[in-house]
Amino acid sequence: CDLDAIRVGHRVKVVFKPTDGGPPVPMFTPA
């Protein structure tokens, strides 16, 4: 997500993005 669009205290959810040959990486998106 756009880091300028979120602030401390905003609700987010975690999503897991695939990687090339490794485990999925957790990323955050606005809830």
N, C-alpha and C. Protein backbone atom coordinates (compact mmCIF):
# COMPACT_ATOMS: atom_id res chain seq x y z
N CYS A 1 0.83 -1.18 0.00
CA CYS A 1 0.00 0.00 0.00
C CYS A 1 0.88 1.24 0.00
N ASP A 2 0.29 2.36 -0.30
CA ASP A 2 0.99 3.63 -0.31
C ASP A 2 1.28 4.04 1.13
N LEU A 3 2.55 4.11 1.50
CA LEU A 3 2.91 4.42 2.89
C LEU A 3 2.48 5.81 3.30
N ASP A 4 2.30 6.72 2.35
CA ASP A 4 1.83 8.06 2.69
C ASP A 4 0.34 8.07 3.00
N ALA A 5 -0.37 6.99 2.66
CA ALA A 5 -1.81 6.93 2.86
C ALA A 5 -2.20 6.35 4.22
N ILE A 6 -1.23 5.79 4.95
CA ILE A 6 -1.55 5.20 6.25
C ILE A 6 -0.80 5.92 7.36
N ARG A 7 -1.34 5.85 8.54
CA ARG A 7 -0.75 6.50 9.71
C ARG A 7 -0.84 5.54 10.90
N VAL A 8 -0.08 5.80 11.92
CA VAL A 8 -0.17 5.02 13.15
C VAL A 8 -1.60 5.06 13.65
N GLY A 9 -2.15 3.91 13.96
CA GLY A 9 -3.51 3.84 14.45
C GLY A 9 -4.52 3.44 13.39
N HIS A 10 -4.15 3.54 12.10
CA HIS A 10 -5.06 3.10 11.03
C HIS A 10 -5.20 1.59 11.08
N ARG A 11 -6.38 1.11 10.73
CA ARG A 11 -6.62 -0.33 10.68
C ARG A 11 -6.01 -0.88 9.40
N VAL A 12 -5.27 -1.97 9.54
CA VAL A 12 -4.68 -2.65 8.39
C VAL A 12 -4.96 -4.14 8.50
N LYS A 13 -4.79 -4.83 7.39
CA LYS A 13 -4.87 -6.29 7.42
C LYS A 13 -3.63 -6.83 6.74
N VAL A 14 -3.25 -8.04 7.11
CA VAL A 14 -2.06 -8.66 6.53
C VAL A 14 -2.47 -9.54 5.35
N VAL A 15 -1.68 -9.46 4.30
CA VAL A 15 -1.83 -10.34 3.14
C VAL A 15 -0.45 -10.93 2.87
N PHE A 16 -0.42 -12.12 2.33
CA PHE A 16 0.86 -12.78 2.05
C PHE A 16 1.12 -12.78 0.55
N LYS A 17 2.23 -12.18 0.17
CA LYS A 17 2.61 -12.09 -1.24
C LYS A 17 3.63 -13.18 -1.56
N PRO A 18 3.45 -13.87 -2.68
CA PRO A 18 4.41 -14.91 -3.06
C PRO A 18 5.78 -14.32 -3.40
N THR A 19 6.81 -15.13 -3.23
CA THR A 19 8.16 -14.72 -3.59
C THR A 19 8.72 -15.73 -4.59
N ASP A 20 9.83 -15.42 -5.18
CA ASP A 20 10.47 -16.32 -6.14
C ASP A 20 11.24 -17.40 -5.39
N GLY A 21 10.61 -18.54 -5.18
CA GLY A 21 11.29 -19.69 -4.58
C GLY A 21 11.38 -19.68 -3.07
N GLY A 22 10.84 -18.67 -2.42
CA GLY A 22 10.91 -18.61 -0.96
C GLY A 22 9.53 -18.61 -0.36
N PRO A 23 9.47 -18.48 0.95
CA PRO A 23 8.16 -18.44 1.61
C PRO A 23 7.44 -17.13 1.30
N PRO A 24 6.12 -17.11 1.40
CA PRO A 24 5.37 -15.86 1.19
C PRO A 24 5.79 -14.80 2.21
N VAL A 25 5.73 -13.55 1.78
CA VAL A 25 6.13 -12.41 2.62
C VAL A 25 4.88 -11.68 3.10
N PRO A 26 4.78 -11.42 4.42
CA PRO A 26 3.62 -10.67 4.90
C PRO A 26 3.72 -9.20 4.49
N MET A 27 2.61 -8.66 3.98
CA MET A 27 2.51 -7.26 3.61
C MET A 27 1.22 -6.73 4.21
N PHE A 28 1.13 -5.43 4.37
CA PHE A 28 -0.05 -4.83 4.98
C PHE A 28 -0.81 -3.98 3.98
N THR A 29 -2.13 -4.00 4.12
CA THR A 29 -3.00 -3.22 3.26
C THR A 29 -4.08 -2.58 4.14
N PRO A 30 -4.60 -1.42 3.79
CA PRO A 30 -5.66 -0.82 4.61
C PRO A 30 -6.84 -1.77 4.75
N ALA A 31 -7.43 -1.80 5.95
CA ALA A 31 -8.55 -2.71 6.21
C ALA A 31 -9.85 -2.14 5.69
